[in-house]
Amino acid sequence: MFSNRGVWPAWLWMFILALLLGWLPFIGPAIAGFVGGLQAGDVGSALVAAIIPSLIVAAVIFALGTLIGVPIIAALVGTGIFMVLVLGTLPLLLGASIGG
């Protein structure tokens, strides 16, 4: 009925392992990406799963900024944080492409 492969379990594994192994500068996210890539099954799904946590964090910051602050500033901050998260997840993307 439910498959243990695909984008959903892959990004969940990546998110949890990246939180747990975040104290390892490059190796931790690379391991999380590799494990998530194995869960994803193929490279395309693994790369999509690696980007999803960054999208979620940026969307939450955008929503909080919109509710609390000025919407234009929230949009700029959300976009900026998304770019920082994407660049910061390069080891995660590398591990995901190897694992996928």
PDB file of N, CA and C in Angstrom:
ATOM      1  N   MET A   1       0.822  -1.184   0.000  1.00  0.00           N
ATOM      2  CA  MET A   1       0.000   0.000   0.000  1.00  0.00           C
ATOM      3  C   MET A   1       0.874   1.259   0.000  1.00  0.00           C
ATOM      4  N   PHE A   2       1.745   1.413   0.998  1.00  0.00           N
ATOM      5  CA  PHE A   2       2.637   2.560   1.043  1.00  0.00           C
ATOM      6  C   PHE A   2       4.030   2.121   0.640  1.00  0.00           C
ATOM      7  N   SER A   3       4.688   2.935  -0.147  1.00  0.00           N
ATOM      8  CA  SER A   3       6.039   2.639  -0.579  1.00  0.00           C
ATOM      9  C   SER A   3       7.039   3.343   0.328  1.00  0.00           C
ATOM     10  N   ASN A   4       8.156   2.673   0.606  1.00  0.00           N
ATOM     11  CA  ASN A   4       9.180   3.313   1.420  1.00  0.00           C
ATOM     12  C   ASN A   4      10.224   4.015   0.560  1.00  0.00           C
ATOM     13  N   ARG A   5       9.955   4.186  -0.724  1.00  0.00           N
ATOM     14  CA  ARG A   5      10.831   4.899  -1.623  1.00  0.00           C
ATOM     15  C   ARG A   5      10.068   6.075  -2.221  1.00  0.00           C
ATOM     16  N   GLY A   6      10.801   7.097  -2.580  1.00  0.00           N
ATOM     17  CA  GLY A   6      10.187   8.256  -3.197  1.00  0.00           C
ATOM     18  C   GLY A   6      10.627   9.541  -2.521  1.00  0.00           C
ATOM     19  N   VAL A   7      10.019  10.626  -2.938  1.00  0.00           N
ATOM     20  CA  VAL A   7      10.414  11.943  -2.459  1.00  0.00           C
ATOM     21  C   VAL A   7      10.031  12.138  -0.988  1.00  0.00           C
ATOM     22  N   TRP A   8       8.838  11.716  -0.602  1.00  0.00           N
ATOM     23  CA  TRP A   8       8.368  11.960   0.757  1.00  0.00           C
ATOM     24  C   TRP A   8       9.273  11.325   1.815  1.00  0.00           C
ATOM     25  N   PRO A   9       9.535  10.024   1.785  1.00  0.00           N
ATOM     26  CA  PRO A   9      10.427   9.481   2.818  1.00  0.00           C
ATOM     27  C   PRO A   9      11.862   9.984   2.677  1.00  0.00           C
ATOM     28  N   ALA A  10      12.279  10.311   1.460  1.00  0.00           N
ATOM     29  CA  ALA A  10      13.654  10.765   1.246  1.00  0.00           C
ATOM     30  C   ALA A  10      13.892  12.116   1.908  1.00  0.00           C
ATOM     31  N   TRP A  11      12.974  13.075   1.713  1.00  0.00           N
ATOM     32  CA  TRP A  11      13.220  14.386   2.325  1.00  0.00           C
ATOM     33  C   TRP A  11      13.070  14.321   3.829  1.00  0.00           C
ATOM     34  N   LEU A  12      12.221  13.435   4.320  1.00  0.00           N
ATOM     35  CA  LEU A  12      12.087  13.277   5.764  1.00  0.00           C
ATOM     36  C   LEU A  12      13.373  12.725   6.373  1.00  0.00           C
ATOM     37  N   TRP A  13      13.956  11.710   5.731  1.00  0.00           N
ATOM     38  CA  TRP A  13      15.240  11.175   6.179  1.00  0.00           C
ATOM     39  C   TRP A  13      16.320  12.242   6.119  1.00  0.00           C
ATOM     40  N   MET A  14      16.357  12.997   5.029  1.00  0.00           N
ATOM     41  CA  MET A  14      17.377  14.048   4.891  1.00  0.00           C
ATOM     42  C   MET A  14      17.224  15.103   5.973  1.00  0.00           C
ATOM     43  N   PHE A  15      16.005  15.510   6.234  1.00  0.00           N
ATOM     44  CA  PHE A  15      15.750  16.553   7.229  1.00  0.00           C
ATOM     45  C   PHE A  15      16.172  16.099   8.617  1.00  0.00           C
ATOM     46  N   ILE A  16      15.764  14.906   9.014  1.00  0.00           N
ATOM     47  CA  ILE A  16      16.071  14.400  10.352  1.00  0.00           C
ATOM     48  C   ILE A  16      17.566  14.166  10.507  1.00  0.00           C
ATOM     49  N   LEU A  17      18.190  13.513   9.513  1.00  0.00           N
ATOM     50  CA  LEU A  17      19.626  13.253   9.615  1.00  0.00           C
ATOM     51  C   LEU A  17      20.450  14.531   9.544  1.00  0.00           C
ATOM     52  N   ALA A  18      20.009  15.504   8.765  1.00  0.00           N
ATOM     53  CA  ALA A  18      20.735  16.775   8.707  1.00  0.00           C
ATOM     54  C   ALA A  18      20.662  17.488  10.058  1.00  0.00           C
ATOM     55  N   LEU A  19      19.535  17.384  10.748  1.00  0.00           N
ATOM     56  CA  LEU A  19      19.444  17.970  12.085  1.00  0.00           C
ATOM     57  C   LEU A  19      20.348  17.241  13.078  1.00  0.00           C
ATOM     58  N   LEU A  20      20.367  15.914  12.994  1.00  0.00           N
ATOM     59  CA  LEU A  20      21.164  15.135  13.936  1.00  0.00           C
ATOM     60  C   LEU A  20      22.664  15.230  13.655  1.00  0.00           C
ATOM     61  N   LEU A  21      23.035  15.305  12.377  1.00  0.00           N
ATOM     62  CA  LEU A  21      24.454  15.331  12.006  1.00  0.00           C
ATOM     63  C   LEU A  21      24.936  16.726  11.633  1.00  0.00           C
ATOM     64  N   GLY A  22      24.186  17.739  11.990  1.00  0.00           N
ATOM     65  CA  GLY A  22      24.529  19.105  11.624  1.00  0.00           C
ATOM     66  C   GLY A  22      25.819  19.606  12.245  1.00  0.00           C
ATOM     67  N   TRP A  23      26.291  18.973  13.295  1.00  0.00           N
ATOM     68  CA  TRP A  23      27.514  19.397  13.949  1.00  0.00           C
ATOM     69  C   TRP A  23      28.757  18.993  13.155  1.00  0.00           C
ATOM     70  N   LEU A  24      28.610  18.112  12.179  1.00  0.00           N
ATOM     71  CA  LEU A  24      29.714  17.756  11.282  1.00  0.00           C
ATOM     72  C   LEU A  24      29.645  18.669  10.067  1.00  0.00           C
ATOM     73  N   PRO A  25      30.624  19.545   9.856  1.00  0.00           N
ATOM     74  CA  PRO A  25      30.503  20.614   8.855  1.00  0.00           C
ATOM     75  C   PRO A  25      30.149  20.169   7.445  1.00  0.00           C
ATOM     76  N   PHE A  26      30.841  19.269   6.826  1.00  0.00           N
ATOM     77  CA  PHE A  26      30.540  18.872   5.453  1.00  0.00           C
ATOM     78  C   PHE A  26      30.017  17.443   5.399  1.00  0.00           C
ATOM     79  N   ILE A  27      30.538  16.602   6.262  1.00  0.00           N
ATOM     80  CA  ILE A  27      30.218  15.179   6.246  1.00  0.00           C
ATOM     81  C   ILE A  27      28.765  14.914   6.645  1.00  0.00           C
ATOM     82  N   GLY A  28      28.263  15.642   7.654  1.00  0.00           N
ATOM     83  CA  GLY A  28      26.902  15.410   8.147  1.00  0.00           C
ATOM     84  C   GLY A  28      25.829  15.579   7.080  1.00  0.00           C
ATOM     85  N   PRO A  29      25.770  16.745   6.410  1.00  0.00           N
ATOM     86  CA  PRO A  29      24.776  16.891   5.345  1.00  0.00           C
ATOM     87  C   PRO A  29      25.005  15.944   4.165  1.00  0.00           C
ATOM     88  N   ALA A  30      26.280  15.619   3.882  1.00  0.00           N
ATOM     89  CA  ALA A  30      26.558  14.686   2.789  1.00  0.00           C
ATOM     90  C   ALA A  30      26.030  13.291   3.117  1.00  0.00           C
ATOM     91  N   ILE A  31      26.183  12.863   4.372  1.00  0.00           N
ATOM     92  CA  ILE A  31      25.641  11.567   4.784  1.00  0.00           C
ATOM     93  C   ILE A  31      24.118  11.592   4.723  1.00  0.00           C
ATOM     94  N   ALA A  32      23.518  12.679   5.201  1.00  0.00           N
ATOM     95  CA  ALA A  32      22.056  12.808   5.160  1.00  0.00           C
ATOM     96  C   ALA A  32      21.562  12.774   3.713  1.00  0.00           C
ATOM     97  N   GLY A  33      22.260  13.456   2.823  1.00  0.00           N
ATOM     98  CA  GLY A  33      21.881  13.440   1.418  1.00  0.00           C
ATOM     99  C   GLY A  33      22.041  12.070   0.787  1.00  0.00           C
ATOM    100  N   PHE A  34      23.105  11.365   1.156  1.00  0.00           N
ATOM    101  CA  PHE A  34      23.334  10.028   0.609  1.00  0.00           C
ATOM    102  C   PHE A  34      22.231   9.065   1.032  1.00  0.00           C
ATOM    103  N   VAL A  35      21.893   9.081   2.330  1.00  0.00           N
ATOM    104  CA  VAL A  35      20.831   8.197   2.836  1.00  0.00           C
ATOM    105  C   VAL A  35      19.490   8.560   2.204  1.00  0.00           C
ATOM    106  N   GLY A  36      19.210   9.861   2.117  1.00  0.00           N
ATOM    107  CA  GLY A  36      17.971  10.287   1.465  1.00  0.00           C
ATOM    108  C   GLY A  36      17.951   9.939  -0.012  1.00  0.00           C
ATOM    109  N   GLY A  37      19.105  10.013  -0.676  1.00  0.00           N
ATOM    110  CA  GLY A  37      19.184   9.622  -2.081  1.00  0.00           C
ATOM    111  C   GLY A  37      18.914   8.145  -2.279  1.00  0.00           C
ATOM    112  N   LEU A  38      19.392   7.335  -1.348  1.00  0.00           N
ATOM    113  CA  LEU A  38      19.082   5.903  -1.417  1.00  0.00           C
ATOM    114  C   LEU A  38      17.587   5.659  -1.243  1.00  0.00           C
ATOM    115  N   GLN A  39      16.962   6.421  -0.348  1.00  0.00           N
ATOM    116  CA  GLN A  39      15.513   6.302  -0.136  1.00  0.00           C
ATOM    117  C   GLN A  39      14.730   6.782  -1.349  1.00  0.00           C
ATOM    118  N   ALA A  40      15.244   7.802  -2.031  1.00  0.00           N
ATOM    119  CA  ALA A  40      14.513   8.370  -3.164  1.00  0.00           C
ATOM    120  C   ALA A  40      14.471   7.396  -4.335  1.00  0.00           C
ATOM    121  N   GLY A  41      15.559   6.706  -4.571  1.00  0.00           N
ATOM    122  CA  GLY A  41      15.561   5.726  -5.647  1.00  0.00           C
ATOM    123  C   GLY A  41      16.223   6.200  -6.924  1.00  0.00           C
ATOM    124  N   ASP A  42      16.072   7.447  -7.290  1.00  0.00           N
ATOM    125  CA  ASP A  42      16.747   7.973  -8.479  1.00  0.00           C
ATOM    126  C   ASP A  42      17.232   9.395  -8.209  1.00  0.00           C
ATOM    127  N   VAL A  43      18.087   9.879  -9.082  1.00  0.00           N
ATOM    128  CA  VAL A  43      18.755  11.158  -8.854  1.00  0.00           C
ATOM    129  C   VAL A  43      17.770  12.324  -8.862  1.00  0.00           C
ATOM    130  N   GLY A  44      16.819  12.334  -9.777  1.00  0.00           N
ATOM    131  CA  GLY A  44      15.853  13.430  -9.853  1.00  0.00           C
ATOM    132  C   GLY A  44      15.032  13.564  -8.586  1.00  0.00           C
ATOM    133  N   SER A  45      14.523  12.463  -8.095  1.00  0.00           N
ATOM    134  CA  SER A  45      13.745  12.480  -6.853  1.00  0.00           C
ATOM    135  C   SER A  45      14.611  12.876  -5.668  1.00  0.00           C
ATOM    136  N   ALA A  46      15.862  12.437  -5.665  1.00  0.00           N
ATOM    137  CA  ALA A  46      16.766  12.770  -4.570  1.00  0.00           C
ATOM    138  C   ALA A  46      17.058  14.266  -4.532  1.00  0.00           C
ATOM    139  N   LEU A  47      17.255  14.882  -5.691  1.00  0.00           N
ATOM    140  CA  LEU A  47      17.529  16.315  -5.727  1.00  0.00           C
ATOM    141  C   LEU A  47      16.302  17.130  -5.332  1.00  0.00           C
ATOM    142  N   VAL A  48      15.122  16.687  -5.743  1.00  0.00           N
ATOM    143  CA  VAL A  48      13.890  17.361  -5.331  1.00  0.00           C
ATOM    144  C   VAL A  48      13.716  17.244  -3.816  1.00  0.00           C
ATOM    145  N   ALA A  49      14.001  16.053  -3.283  1.00  0.00           N
ATOM    146  CA  ALA A  49      13.870  15.840  -1.843  1.00  0.00           C
ATOM    147  C   ALA A  49      14.878  16.670  -1.061  1.00  0.00           C
ATOM    148  N   ALA A  50      16.024  16.973  -1.637  1.00  0.00           N
ATOM    149  CA  ALA A  50      17.032  17.775  -0.946  1.00  0.00           C
ATOM    150  C   ALA A  50      16.637  19.248  -0.899  1.00  0.00           C
ATOM    151  N   ILE A  51      15.848  19.707  -1.852  1.00  0.00           N
ATOM    152  CA  ILE A  51      15.447  21.111  -1.900  1.00  0.00           C
ATOM    153  C   ILE A  51      14.217  21.383  -1.025  1.00  0.00           C
ATOM    154  N   ILE A  52      13.389  20.387  -0.786  1.00  0.00           N
ATOM    155  CA  ILE A  52      12.131  20.580  -0.057  1.00  0.00           C
ATOM    156  C   ILE A  52      12.329  21.187   1.335  1.00  0.00           C
ATOM    157  N   PRO A  53      13.284  20.726   2.166  1.00  0.00           N
ATOM    158  CA  PRO A  53      13.439  21.367   3.485  1.00  0.00           C
ATOM    159  C   PRO A  53      13.782  22.851   3.384  1.00  0.00           C
ATOM    160  N   SER A  54      14.581  23.235   2.404  1.00  0.00           N
ATOM    161  CA  SER A  54      14.907  24.659   2.220  1.00  0.00           C
ATOM    162  C   SER A  54      13.664  25.448   1.841  1.00  0.00           C
ATOM    163  N   LEU A  55      12.834  24.892   1.001  1.00  0.00           N
ATOM    164  CA  LEU A  55      11.587  25.555   0.622  1.00  0.00           C
ATOM    165  C   LEU A  55      10.666  25.728   1.825  1.00  0.00           C
ATOM    166  N   ILE A  56      10.595  24.715   2.664  1.00  0.00           N
ATOM    167  CA  ILE A  56       9.714  24.779   3.826  1.00  0.00           C
ATOM    168  C   ILE A  56      10.186  25.857   4.795  1.00  0.00           C
ATOM    169  N   VAL A  57      11.487  25.890   5.080  1.00  0.00           N
ATOM    170  CA  VAL A  57      12.019  26.898   6.005  1.00  0.00           C
ATOM    171  C   VAL A  57      11.804  28.300   5.446  1.00  0.00           C
ATOM    172  N   ALA A  58      12.079  28.501   4.155  1.00  0.00           N
ATOM    173  CA  ALA A  58      11.887  29.822   3.543  1.00  0.00           C
ATOM    174  C   ALA A  58      10.408  30.225   3.563  1.00  0.00           C
ATOM    175  N   ALA A  59       9.507  29.276   3.313  1.00  0.00           N
ATOM    176  CA  ALA A  59       8.075  29.585   3.320  1.00  0.00           C
ATOM    177  C   ALA A  59       7.594  29.952   4.723  1.00  0.00           C
ATOM    178  N   VAL A  60       8.090  29.248   5.729  1.00  0.00           N
ATOM    179  CA  VAL A  60       7.695  29.566   7.104  1.00  0.00           C
ATOM    180  C   VAL A  60       8.185  30.959   7.487  1.00  0.00           C
ATOM    181  N   ILE A  61       9.431  31.286   7.119  1.00  0.00           N
ATOM    182  CA  ILE A  61       9.959  32.618   7.429  1.00  0.00           C
ATOM    183  C   ILE A  61       9.188  33.688   6.657  1.00  0.00           C
ATOM    184  N   PHE A  62       8.855  33.405   5.407  1.00  0.00           N
ATOM    185  CA  PHE A  62       8.058  34.341   4.611  1.00  0.00           C
ATOM    186  C   PHE A  62       6.686  34.556   5.251  1.00  0.00           C
ATOM    187  N   ALA A  63       6.037  33.471   5.675  1.00  0.00           N
ATOM    188  CA  ALA A  63       4.705  33.585   6.280  1.00  0.00           C
ATOM    189  C   ALA A  63       4.761  34.353   7.599  1.00  0.00           C
ATOM    190  N   LEU A  64       5.760  34.051   8.425  1.00  0.00           N
ATOM    191  CA  LEU A  64       5.885  34.777   9.687  1.00  0.00           C
ATOM    192  C   LEU A  64       6.183  36.247   9.453  1.00  0.00           C
ATOM    193  N   GLY A  65       7.032  36.532   8.479  1.00  0.00           N
ATOM    194  CA  GLY A  65       7.336  37.924   8.162  1.00  0.00           C
ATOM    195  C   GLY A  65       6.136  38.663   7.611  1.00  0.00           C
ATOM    196  N   THR A  66       5.300  37.974   6.851  1.00  0.00           N
ATOM    197  CA  THR A  66       4.110  38.598   6.296  1.00  0.00           C
ATOM    198  C   THR A  66       3.079  38.877   7.391  1.00  0.00           C
ATOM    199  N   LEU A  67       2.929  37.936   8.311  1.00  0.00           N
ATOM    200  CA  LEU A  67       1.957  38.127   9.383  1.00  0.00           C
ATOM    201  C   LEU A  67       2.422  39.158  10.394  1.00  0.00           C
ATOM    202  N   ILE A  68       3.728  39.192  10.660  1.00  0.00           N
ATOM    203  CA  ILE A  68       4.252  40.071  11.700  1.00  0.00           C
ATOM    204  C   ILE A  68       4.744  41.394  11.124  1.00  0.00           C
ATOM    205  N   GLY A  69       5.431  41.341   9.974  1.00  0.00           N
ATOM    206  CA  GLY A  69       6.088  42.525   9.446  1.00  0.00           C
ATOM    207  C   GLY A  69       5.482  43.019   8.152  1.00  0.00           C
ATOM    208  N   VAL A  70       6.317  43.633   7.376  1.00  0.00           N
ATOM    209  CA  VAL A  70       5.912  44.214   6.104  1.00  0.00           C
ATOM    210  C   VAL A  70       6.058  43.146   5.017  1.00  0.00           C
ATOM    211  N   PRO A  71       5.040  42.934   4.175  1.00  0.00           N
ATOM    212  CA  PRO A  71       5.101  41.864   3.178  1.00  0.00           C
ATOM    213  C   PRO A  71       6.257  41.985   2.187  1.00  0.00           C
ATOM    214  N   ILE A  72       6.605  43.179   1.756  1.00  0.00           N
ATOM    215  CA  ILE A  72       7.689  43.321   0.773  1.00  0.00           C
ATOM    216  C   ILE A  72       9.015  42.920   1.399  1.00  0.00           C
ATOM    217  N   ILE A  73       9.253  43.348   2.624  1.00  0.00           N
ATOM    218  CA  ILE A  73      10.491  42.970   3.313  1.00  0.00           C
ATOM    219  C   ILE A  73      10.498  41.469   3.580  1.00  0.00           C
ATOM    220  N   ALA A  74       9.347  40.911   3.938  1.00  0.00           N
ATOM    221  CA  ALA A  74       9.260  39.470   4.178  1.00  0.00           C
ATOM    222  C   ALA A  74       9.581  38.687   2.905  1.00  0.00           C
ATOM    223  N   ALA A  75       9.122  39.179   1.760  1.00  0.00           N
ATOM    224  CA  ALA A  75       9.415  38.496   0.500  1.00  0.00           C
ATOM    225  C   ALA A  75      10.910  38.533   0.207  1.00  0.00           C
ATOM    226  N   LEU A  76      11.542  39.675   0.434  1.00  0.00           N
ATOM    227  CA  LEU A  76      12.982  39.780   0.201  1.00  0.00           C
ATOM    228  C   LEU A  76      13.775  38.908   1.170  1.00  0.00           C
ATOM    229  N   VAL A  77      13.395  38.926   2.427  1.00  0.00           N
ATOM    230  CA  VAL A  77      14.094  38.113   3.420  1.00  0.00           C
ATOM    231  C   VAL A  77      13.876  36.626   3.146  1.00  0.00           C
ATOM    232  N   GLY A  78      12.647  36.238   2.821  1.00  0.00           N
ATOM    233  CA  GLY A  78      12.371  34.836   2.497  1.00  0.00           C
ATOM    234  C   GLY A  78      13.163  34.357   1.306  1.00  0.00           C
ATOM    235  N   THR A  79      13.268  35.192   0.282  1.00  0.00           N
ATOM    236  CA  THR A  79      14.052  34.828  -0.902  1.00  0.00           C
ATOM    237  C   THR A  79      15.526  34.751  -0.562  1.00  0.00           C
ATOM    238  N   GLY A  80      16.023  35.695   0.207  1.00  0.00           N
ATOM    239  CA  GLY A  80      17.426  35.673   0.594  1.00  0.00           C
ATOM    240  C   GLY A  80      17.777  34.463   1.435  1.00  0.00           C
ATOM    241  N   ILE A  81      16.923  34.136   2.378  1.00  0.00           N
ATOM    242  CA  ILE A  81      17.178  32.969   3.223  1.00  0.00           C
ATOM    243  C   ILE A  81      17.091  31.693   2.403  1.00  0.00           C
ATOM    244  N   PHE A  82      16.183  31.636   1.440  1.00  0.00           N
ATOM    245  CA  PHE A  82      16.116  30.464   0.568  1.00  0.00           C
ATOM    246  C   PHE A  82      17.428  30.285  -0.190  1.00  0.00           C
ATOM    247  N   MET A  83      17.996  31.370  -0.703  1.00  0.00           N
ATOM    248  CA  MET A  83      19.262  31.269  -1.439  1.00  0.00           C
ATOM    249  C   MET A  83      20.399  30.825  -0.519  1.00  0.00           C
ATOM    250  N   VAL A  84      20.425  31.334   0.701  1.00  0.00           N
ATOM    251  CA  VAL A  84      21.445  30.910   1.657  1.00  0.00           C
ATOM    252  C   VAL A  84      21.280  29.434   2.000  1.00  0.00           C
ATOM    253  N   LEU A  85      20.043  28.998   2.176  1.00  0.00           N
ATOM    254  CA  LEU A  85      19.797  27.592   2.482  1.00  0.00           C
ATOM    255  C   LEU A  85      20.186  26.686   1.314  1.00  0.00           C
ATOM    256  N   VAL A  86      19.897  27.125   0.094  1.00  0.00           N
ATOM    257  CA  VAL A  86      20.258  26.310  -1.076  1.00  0.00           C
ATOM    258  C   VAL A  86      21.770  26.201  -1.179  1.00  0.00           C
ATOM    259  N   LEU A  87      22.485  27.312  -1.008  1.00  0.00           N
ATOM    260  CA  LEU A  87      23.942  27.263  -1.078  1.00  0.00           C
ATOM    261  C   LEU A  87      24.521  26.479   0.098  1.00  0.00           C
ATOM    262  N   GLY A  88      23.870  26.544   1.235  1.00  0.00           N
ATOM    263  CA  GLY A  88      24.331  25.798   2.399  1.00  0.00           C
ATOM    264  C   GLY A  88      24.053  24.316   2.314  1.00  0.00           C
ATOM    265  N   THR A  89      23.160  23.917   1.431  1.00  0.00           N
ATOM    266  CA  THR A  89      22.830  22.501   1.300  1.00  0.00           C
ATOM    267  C   THR A  89      23.536  21.852   0.126  1.00  0.00           C
ATOM    268  N   LEU A  90      24.599  22.470  -0.357  1.00  0.00           N
ATOM    269  CA  LEU A  90      25.355  21.838  -1.445  1.00  0.00           C
ATOM    270  C   LEU A  90      25.881  20.454  -1.072  1.00  0.00           C
ATOM    271  N   PRO A  91      26.402  20.238   0.156  1.00  0.00           N
ATOM    272  CA  PRO A  91      26.789  18.876   0.507  1.00  0.00           C
ATOM    273  C   PRO A  91      25.605  17.909   0.512  1.00  0.00           C
ATOM    274  N   LEU A  92      24.444  18.405   0.928  1.00  0.00           N
ATOM    275  CA  LEU A  92      23.234  17.571   0.910  1.00  0.00           C
ATOM    276  C   LEU A  92      22.873  17.201  -0.519  1.00  0.00           C
ATOM    277  N   LEU A  93      22.953  18.157  -1.430  1.00  0.00           N
ATOM    278  CA  LEU A  93      22.662  17.881  -2.834  1.00  0.00           C
ATOM    279  C   LEU A  93      23.687  16.918  -3.426  1.00  0.00           C
ATOM    280  N   LEU A  94      24.962  17.094  -3.066  1.00  0.00           N
ATOM    281  CA  LEU A  94      26.004  16.199  -3.560  1.00  0.00           C
ATOM    282  C   LEU A  94      25.770  14.771  -3.080  1.00  0.00           C
ATOM    283  N   GLY A  95      25.465  14.633  -1.788  1.00  0.00           N
ATOM    284  CA  GLY A  95      25.177  13.301  -1.252  1.00  0.00           C
ATOM    285  C   GLY A  95      23.927  12.698  -1.863  1.00  0.00           C
ATOM    286  N   ALA A  96      22.913  13.536  -2.125  1.00  0.00           N
ATOM    287  CA  ALA A  96      21.678  13.043  -2.729  1.00  0.00           C
ATOM    288  C   ALA A  96      21.936  12.551  -4.150  1.00  0.00           C
ATOM    289  N   SER A  97      22.767  13.263  -4.906  1.00  0.00           N
ATOM    290  CA  SER A  97      23.039  12.823  -6.275  1.00  0.00           C
ATOM    291  C   SER A  97      23.857  11.546  -6.294  1.00  0.00           C
ATOM    292  N   ILE A  98      24.757  11.364  -5.326  1.00  0.00           N
ATOM    293  CA  ILE A  98      25.517  10.118  -5.257  1.00  0.00           C
ATOM    294  C   ILE A  98      24.638   8.975  -4.804  1.00  0.00           C
ATOM    295  N   GLY A  99      23.795   9.226  -3.799  1.00  0.00           N
ATOM    296  CA  GLY A  99      22.919   8.168  -3.281  1.00  0.00           C
ATOM    297  C   GLY A  99      21.804   7.791  -4.222  1.00  0.00           C
ATOM    298  N   GLY A 100      21.373   8.738  -5.049  1.00  0.00           N
ATOM    299  CA  GLY A 100      20.278   8.465  -5.968  1.00  0.00           C
ATOM    300  C   GLY A 100      20.765   7.708  -7.134  1.00  0.00           C
TER     301      GLY A 100
END
